Amino acid sequence: GTTLQVHPVTGTDLDPDGNAVSPRIRP
């Protein structure tokens, strides 16, 4: 989850600031 930047299934970009459904998280 800490290195996640795009959705693993859809390939959709994720917002690292937490505005998307599944953002990158802190360690």
PDB file of all heavy atoms in Angstrom:
ATOM      1  N   GLY A   1       0.807  -1.219   0.000  1.00  0.00           N
ATOM      2  CA  GLY A   1       0.000   0.000   0.000  1.00  0.00           C
ATOM      3  C   GLY A   1       0.833   1.259   0.000  1.00  0.00           C
ATOM      4  O   GLY A   1       0.383   2.314  -0.469  1.00  0.00           O
ATOM      5  N   THR A   2       2.074   1.179   0.509  1.00  0.00           N
ATOM      6  CA  THR A   2       2.903   2.382   0.601  1.00  0.00           C
ATOM      7  C   THR A   2       3.489   2.801  -0.740  1.00  0.00           C
ATOM      8  O   THR A   2       3.864   3.955  -0.919  1.00  0.00           O
ATOM      9  CB  THR A   2       4.053   2.177   1.611  1.00  0.00           C
ATOM     10  OG1 THR A   2       4.977   1.198   1.112  1.00  0.00           O
ATOM     11  CG2 THR A   2       3.519   1.727   2.958  1.00  0.00           C
ATOM     12  N   THR A   3       3.582   1.877  -1.676  1.00  0.00           N
ATOM     13  CA  THR A   3       4.115   2.219  -3.006  1.00  0.00           C
ATOM     14  C   THR A   3       3.029   2.226  -4.078  1.00  0.00           C
ATOM     15  O   THR A   3       3.327   2.424  -5.263  1.00  0.00           O
ATOM     16  CB  THR A   3       5.224   1.230  -3.417  1.00  0.00           C
ATOM     17  OG1 THR A   3       4.690  -0.102  -3.472  1.00  0.00           O
ATOM     18  CG2 THR A   3       6.373   1.272  -2.427  1.00  0.00           C
ATOM     19  N   LEU A   4       1.778   2.010  -3.689  1.00  0.00           N
ATOM     20  CA  LEU A   4       0.663   1.911  -4.634  1.00  0.00           C
ATOM     21  C   LEU A   4       0.361   3.283  -5.243  1.00  0.00           C
ATOM     22  O   LEU A   4       0.052   4.228  -4.529  1.00  0.00           O
ATOM     23  CB  LEU A   4      -0.566   1.369  -3.907  1.00  0.00           C
ATOM     24  CG  LEU A   4      -1.734   0.856  -4.747  1.00  0.00           C
ATOM     25  CD1 LEU A   4      -1.346  -0.418  -5.479  1.00  0.00           C
ATOM     26  CD2 LEU A   4      -2.933   0.598  -3.847  1.00  0.00           C
ATOM     27  N   GLN A   5       0.444   3.380  -6.564  1.00  0.00           N
ATOM     28  CA  GLN A   5       0.147   4.651  -7.233  1.00  0.00           C
ATOM     29  C   GLN A   5      -0.936   4.521  -8.300  1.00  0.00           C
ATOM     30  O   GLN A   5      -1.582   5.509  -8.636  1.00  0.00           O
ATOM     31  CB  GLN A   5       1.420   5.214  -7.863  1.00  0.00           C
ATOM     32  CG  GLN A   5       2.500   5.531  -6.832  1.00  0.00           C
ATOM     33  CD  GLN A   5       3.640   6.323  -7.420  1.00  0.00           C
ATOM     34  OE1 GLN A   5       3.503   7.525  -7.692  1.00  0.00           O
ATOM     35  NE2 GLN A   5       4.768   5.669  -7.634  1.00  0.00           N
ATOM     36  N   VAL A   6      -1.131   3.320  -8.823  1.00  0.00           N
ATOM     37  CA  VAL A   6      -2.235   3.087  -9.756  1.00  0.00           C
ATOM     38  C   VAL A   6      -2.987   1.841  -9.300  1.00  0.00           C
ATOM     39  O   VAL A   6      -2.425   0.961  -8.646  1.00  0.00           O
ATOM     40  CB  VAL A   6      -1.737   2.909 -11.211  1.00  0.00           C
ATOM     41  CG1 VAL A   6      -0.993   4.149 -11.674  1.00  0.00           C
ATOM     42  CG2 VAL A   6      -0.867   1.683 -11.337  1.00  0.00           C
ATOM     43  N   HIS A   7      -4.252   1.785  -9.618  1.00  0.00           N
ATOM     44  CA  HIS A   7      -5.063   0.647  -9.209  1.00  0.00           C
ATOM     45  C   HIS A   7      -4.527  -0.618  -9.874  1.00  0.00           C
ATOM     46  O   HIS A   7      -4.332  -0.648 -11.097  1.00  0.00           O
ATOM     47  CB  HIS A   7      -6.524   0.864  -9.597  1.00  0.00           C
ATOM     48  CG  HIS A   7      -7.464  -0.064  -8.900  1.00  0.00           C
ATOM     49  ND1 HIS A   7      -7.594  -1.384  -9.245  1.00  0.00           N
ATOM     50  CD2 HIS A   7      -8.310   0.138  -7.855  1.00  0.00           C
ATOM     51  CE1 HIS A   7      -8.487  -1.958  -8.468  1.00  0.00           C
ATOM     52  NE2 HIS A   7      -8.939  -1.052  -7.605  1.00  0.00           N
ATOM     53  N   PRO A   8      -4.267  -1.709  -9.093  1.00  0.00           N
ATOM     54  CA  PRO A   8      -3.623  -2.898  -9.669  1.00  0.00           C
ATOM     55  C   PRO A   8      -4.459  -3.618 -10.714  1.00  0.00           C
ATOM     56  O   PRO A   8      -3.902  -4.352 -11.535  1.00  0.00           O
ATOM     57  CB  PRO A   8      -3.373  -3.789  -8.448  1.00  0.00           C
ATOM     58  CG  PRO A   8      -4.339  -3.322  -7.419  1.00  0.00           C
ATOM     59  CD  PRO A   8      -4.514  -1.855  -7.645  1.00  0.00           C
ATOM     60  N   VAL A   9      -5.784  -3.431 -10.697  1.00  0.00           N
ATOM     61  CA  VAL A   9      -6.645  -4.124 -11.663  1.00  0.00           C
ATOM     62  C   VAL A   9      -6.994  -3.226 -12.842  1.00  0.00           C
ATOM     63  O   VAL A   9      -6.861  -3.606 -14.006  1.00  0.00           O
ATOM     64  CB  VAL A   9      -7.925  -4.640 -10.967  1.00  0.00           C
ATOM     65  CG1 VAL A   9      -8.867  -5.273 -11.995  1.00  0.00           C
ATOM     66  CG2 VAL A   9      -7.569  -5.647  -9.879  1.00  0.00           C
ATOM     67  N   THR A  10      -7.441  -1.996 -12.551  1.00  0.00           N
ATOM     68  CA  THR A  10      -7.887  -1.105 -13.627  1.00  0.00           C
ATOM     69  C   THR A  10      -6.758  -0.278 -14.222  1.00  0.00           C
ATOM     70  O   THR A  10      -6.884   0.230 -15.340  1.00  0.00           O
ATOM     71  CB  THR A  10      -8.973  -0.153 -13.104  1.00  0.00           C
ATOM     72  OG1 THR A  10      -8.397   0.722 -12.108  1.00  0.00           O
ATOM     73  CG2 THR A  10     -10.124  -0.931 -12.489  1.00  0.00           C
ATOM     74  N   GLY A  11      -5.649  -0.101 -13.479  1.00  0.00           N
ATOM     75  CA  GLY A  11      -4.563   0.740 -13.943  1.00  0.00           C
ATOM     76  C   GLY A  11      -4.845   2.221 -13.808  1.00  0.00           C
ATOM     77  O   GLY A  11      -4.075   3.056 -14.280  1.00  0.00           O
ATOM     78  N   THR A  12      -5.937   2.587 -13.122  1.00  0.00           N
ATOM     79  CA  THR A  12      -6.318   3.987 -12.935  1.00  0.00           C
ATOM     80  C   THR A  12      -5.362   4.676 -11.971  1.00  0.00           C
ATOM     81  O   THR A  12      -4.996   4.122 -10.933  1.00  0.00           O
ATOM     82  CB  THR A  12      -7.751   4.083 -12.377  1.00  0.00           C
ATOM     83  OG1 THR A  12      -8.619   3.354 -13.234  1.00  0.00           O
ATOM     84  CG2 THR A  12      -8.208   5.530 -12.289  1.00  0.00           C
ATOM     85  N   ASP A  13      -4.968   5.929 -12.287  1.00  0.00           N
ATOM     86  CA  ASP A  13      -4.091   6.680 -11.394  1.00  0.00           C
ATOM     87  C   ASP A  13      -4.794   6.949 -10.067  1.00  0.00           C
ATOM     88  O   ASP A  13      -5.996   7.244 -10.025  1.00  0.00           O
ATOM     89  CB  ASP A  13      -3.698   8.020 -12.034  1.00  0.00           C
ATOM     90  CG  ASP A  13      -2.710   7.842 -13.174  1.00  0.00           C
ATOM     91  OD1 ASP A  13      -2.058   6.782 -13.215  1.00  0.00           O
ATOM     92  OD2 ASP A  13      -2.606   8.755 -14.013  1.00  0.00           O
ATOM     93  N   LEU A  14      -4.006   6.880  -8.995  1.00  0.00           N
ATOM     94  CA  LEU A  14      -4.522   7.151  -7.662  1.00  0.00           C
ATOM     95  C   LEU A  14      -3.908   8.430  -7.137  1.00  0.00           C
ATOM     96  O   LEU A  14      -2.757   8.756  -7.427  1.00  0.00           O
ATOM     97  CB  LEU A  14      -4.196   5.992  -6.716  1.00  0.00           C
ATOM     98  CG  LEU A  14      -4.766   4.631  -7.124  1.00  0.00           C
ATOM     99  CD1 LEU A  14      -4.243   3.537  -6.213  1.00  0.00           C
ATOM    100  CD2 LEU A  14      -6.286   4.672  -7.089  1.00  0.00           C
ATOM    101  N   ASP A  15      -4.673   9.138  -6.337  1.00  0.00           N
ATOM    102  CA  ASP A  15      -4.232  10.428  -5.819  1.00  0.00           C
ATOM    103  C   ASP A  15      -3.409  10.230  -4.555  1.00  0.00           C
ATOM    104  O   ASP A  15      -3.946   9.785  -3.538  1.00  0.00           O
ATOM    105  CB  ASP A  15      -5.462  11.293  -5.530  1.00  0.00           C
ATOM    106  CG  ASP A  15      -5.090  12.698  -5.090  1.00  0.00           C
ATOM    107  OD1 ASP A  15      -3.882  12.988  -4.902  1.00  0.00           O
ATOM    108  OD2 ASP A  15      -6.010  13.499  -4.922  1.00  0.00           O
ATOM    109  N   PRO A  16      -2.121  10.554  -4.528  1.00  0.00           N
ATOM    110  CA  PRO A  16      -1.302  10.358  -3.326  1.00  0.00           C
ATOM    111  C   PRO A  16      -1.696  11.255  -2.174  1.00  0.00           C
ATOM    112  O   PRO A  16      -1.259  11.058  -1.049  1.00  0.00           O
ATOM    113  CB  PRO A  16       0.122  10.667  -3.814  1.00  0.00           C
ATOM    114  CG  PRO A  16      -0.063  11.566  -4.989  1.00  0.00           C
ATOM    115  CD  PRO A  16      -1.338  11.121  -5.636  1.00  0.00           C
ATOM    116  N   ASP A  17      -2.545  12.267  -2.432  1.00  0.00           N
ATOM    117  CA  ASP A  17      -2.977  13.155  -1.352  1.00  0.00           C
ATOM    118  C   ASP A  17      -4.215  12.650  -0.622  1.00  0.00           C
ATOM    119  O   ASP A  17      -4.722  13.302   0.292  1.00  0.00           O
ATOM    120  CB  ASP A  17      -3.261  14.558  -1.913  1.00  0.00           C
ATOM    121  CG  ASP A  17      -2.001  15.193  -2.478  1.00  0.00           C
ATOM    122  OD1 ASP A  17      -0.924  14.956  -1.897  1.00  0.00           O
ATOM    123  OD2 ASP A  17      -2.102  15.901  -3.495  1.00  0.00           O
ATOM    124  N   GLY A  18      -4.746  11.523  -1.038  1.00  0.00           N
ATOM    125  CA  GLY A  18      -5.841  10.918  -0.290  1.00  0.00           C
ATOM    126  C   GLY A  18      -7.218  11.263  -0.803  1.00  0.00           C
ATOM    127  O   GLY A  18      -8.214  11.019  -0.127  1.00  0.00           O
ATOM    128  N   ASN A  19      -7.342  11.823  -1.984  1.00  0.00           N
ATOM    129  CA  ASN A  19      -8.656  12.186  -2.495  1.00  0.00           C
ATOM    130  C   ASN A  19      -9.300  11.081  -3.322  1.00  0.00           C
ATOM    131  O   ASN A  19     -10.478  11.144  -3.627  1.00  0.00           O
ATOM    132  CB  ASN A  19      -8.541  13.456  -3.361  1.00  0.00           C
ATOM    133  CG  ASN A  19      -8.049  14.640  -2.551  1.00  0.00           C
ATOM    134  OD1 ASN A  19      -8.467  14.814  -1.409  1.00  0.00           O
ATOM    135  ND2 ASN A  19      -7.170  15.447  -3.136  1.00  0.00           N
ATOM    136  N   ALA A  20      -8.527  10.076  -3.693  1.00  0.00           N
ATOM    137  CA  ALA A  20      -9.072   8.988  -4.501  1.00  0.00           C
ATOM    138  C   ALA A  20      -9.593   7.883  -3.600  1.00  0.00           C
ATOM    139  O   ALA A  20      -9.474   7.918  -2.386  1.00  0.00           O
ATOM    140  CB  ALA A  20      -7.997   8.447  -5.444  1.00  0.00           C
ATOM    141  N   VAL A  21     -10.175   6.887  -4.243  1.00  0.00           N
ATOM    142  CA  VAL A  21     -10.755   5.780  -3.482  1.00  0.00           C
ATOM    143  C   VAL A  21      -9.676   4.995  -2.743  1.00  0.00           C
ATOM    144  O   VAL A  21      -9.880   4.533  -1.633  1.00  0.00           O
ATOM    145  CB  VAL A  21     -11.544   4.852  -4.433  1.00  0.00           C
ATOM    146  CG1 VAL A  21     -12.058   3.632  -3.684  1.00  0.00           C
ATOM    147  CG2 VAL A  21     -12.695   5.613  -5.070  1.00  0.00           C
ATOM    148  N   SER A  22      -8.523   4.851  -3.331  1.00  0.00           N
ATOM    149  CA  SER A  22      -7.497   3.995  -2.747  1.00  0.00           C
ATOM    150  C   SER A  22      -6.121   4.644  -2.868  1.00  0.00           C
ATOM    151  O   SER A  22      -5.333   4.309  -3.736  1.00  0.00           O
ATOM    152  CB  SER A  22      -7.501   2.634  -3.442  1.00  0.00           C
ATOM    153  OG  SER A  22      -6.544   1.790  -2.862  1.00  0.00           O
ATOM    154  N   PRO A  23      -5.795   5.618  -2.016  1.00  0.00           N
ATOM    155  CA  PRO A  23      -4.531   6.338  -2.153  1.00  0.00           C
ATOM    156  C   PRO A  23      -3.350   5.551  -1.604  1.00  0.00           C
ATOM    157  O   PRO A  23      -3.504   4.598  -0.865  1.00  0.00           O
ATOM    158  CB  PRO A  23      -4.771   7.588  -1.296  1.00  0.00           C
ATOM    159  CG  PRO A  23      -5.706   7.112  -0.234  1.00  0.00           C
ATOM    160  CD  PRO A  23      -6.607   6.123  -0.908  1.00  0.00           C
ATOM    161  N   ARG A  24      -2.175   6.003  -1.984  1.00  0.00           N
ATOM    162  CA  ARG A  24      -0.952   5.477  -1.387  1.00  0.00           C
ATOM    163  C   ARG A  24      -0.942   5.863   0.088  1.00  0.00           C
ATOM    164  O   ARG A  24      -1.359   6.956   0.465  1.00  0.00           O
ATOM    165  CB  ARG A  24       0.248   6.073  -2.114  1.00  0.00           C
ATOM    166  CG  ARG A  24       1.564   5.448  -1.718  1.00  0.00           C
ATOM    167  CD  ARG A  24       2.685   5.944  -2.596  1.00  0.00           C
ATOM    168  NE  ARG A  24       2.965   7.357  -2.381  1.00  0.00           N
ATOM    169  CZ  ARG A  24       4.110   7.937  -2.735  1.00  0.00           C
ATOM    170  NH1 ARG A  24       5.047   7.230  -3.329  1.00  0.00           N
ATOM    171  NH2 ARG A  24       4.293   9.210  -2.523  1.00  0.00           N
ATOM    172  N   ILE A  25      -0.453   4.989   0.943  1.00  0.00           N
ATOM    173  CA  ILE A  25      -0.512   5.242   2.381  1.00  0.00           C
ATOM    174  C   ILE A  25       0.885   5.393   2.962  1.00  0.00           C
ATOM    175  O   ILE A  25       1.888   5.068   2.339  1.00  0.00           O
ATOM    176  CB  ILE A  25      -1.257   4.105   3.118  1.00  0.00           C
ATOM    177  CG1 ILE A  25      -0.516   2.778   2.934  1.00  0.00           C
ATOM    178  CG2 ILE A  25      -2.695   4.008   2.648  1.00  0.00           C
ATOM    179  CD1 ILE A  25      -1.071   1.647   3.749  1.00  0.00           C
ATOM    180  N   ARG A  26       0.938   5.868   4.194  1.00  0.00           N
ATOM    181  CA  ARG A  26       2.198   6.025   4.902  1.00  0.00           C
ATOM    182  C   ARG A  26       2.696   4.662   5.374  1.00  0.00           C
ATOM    183  O   ARG A  26       1.901   3.757   5.616  1.00  0.00           O
ATOM    184  CB  ARG A  26       2.022   6.949   6.094  1.00  0.00           C
ATOM    185  CG  ARG A  26       1.527   8.345   5.742  1.00  0.00           C
ATOM    186  CD  ARG A  26       1.375   9.189   7.001  1.00  0.00           C
ATOM    187  NE  ARG A  26       0.845  10.517   6.698  1.00  0.00           N
ATOM    188  CZ  ARG A  26      -0.443  10.815   6.679  1.00  0.00           C
ATOM    189  NH1 ARG A  26      -1.341   9.886   6.932  1.00  0.00           N
ATOM    190  NH2 ARG A  26      -0.845  12.034   6.397  1.00  0.00           N
ATOM    191  N   PRO A  27       4.009   4.523   5.556  1.00  0.00           N
ATOM    192  CA  PRO A  27       4.528   3.238   6.042  1.00  0.00           C
ATOM    193  C   PRO A  27       4.094   2.884   7.457  1.00  0.00           C
ATOM    194  O   PRO A  27       4.193   1.725   7.849  1.00  0.00           O
ATOM    195  CB  PRO A  27       6.050   3.425   5.970  1.00  0.00           C
ATOM    196  CG  PRO A  27       6.247   4.460   4.915  1.00  0.00           C
ATOM    197  CD  PRO A  27       5.095   5.400   5.077  1.00  0.00           C
TER     198      PRO A  27
END
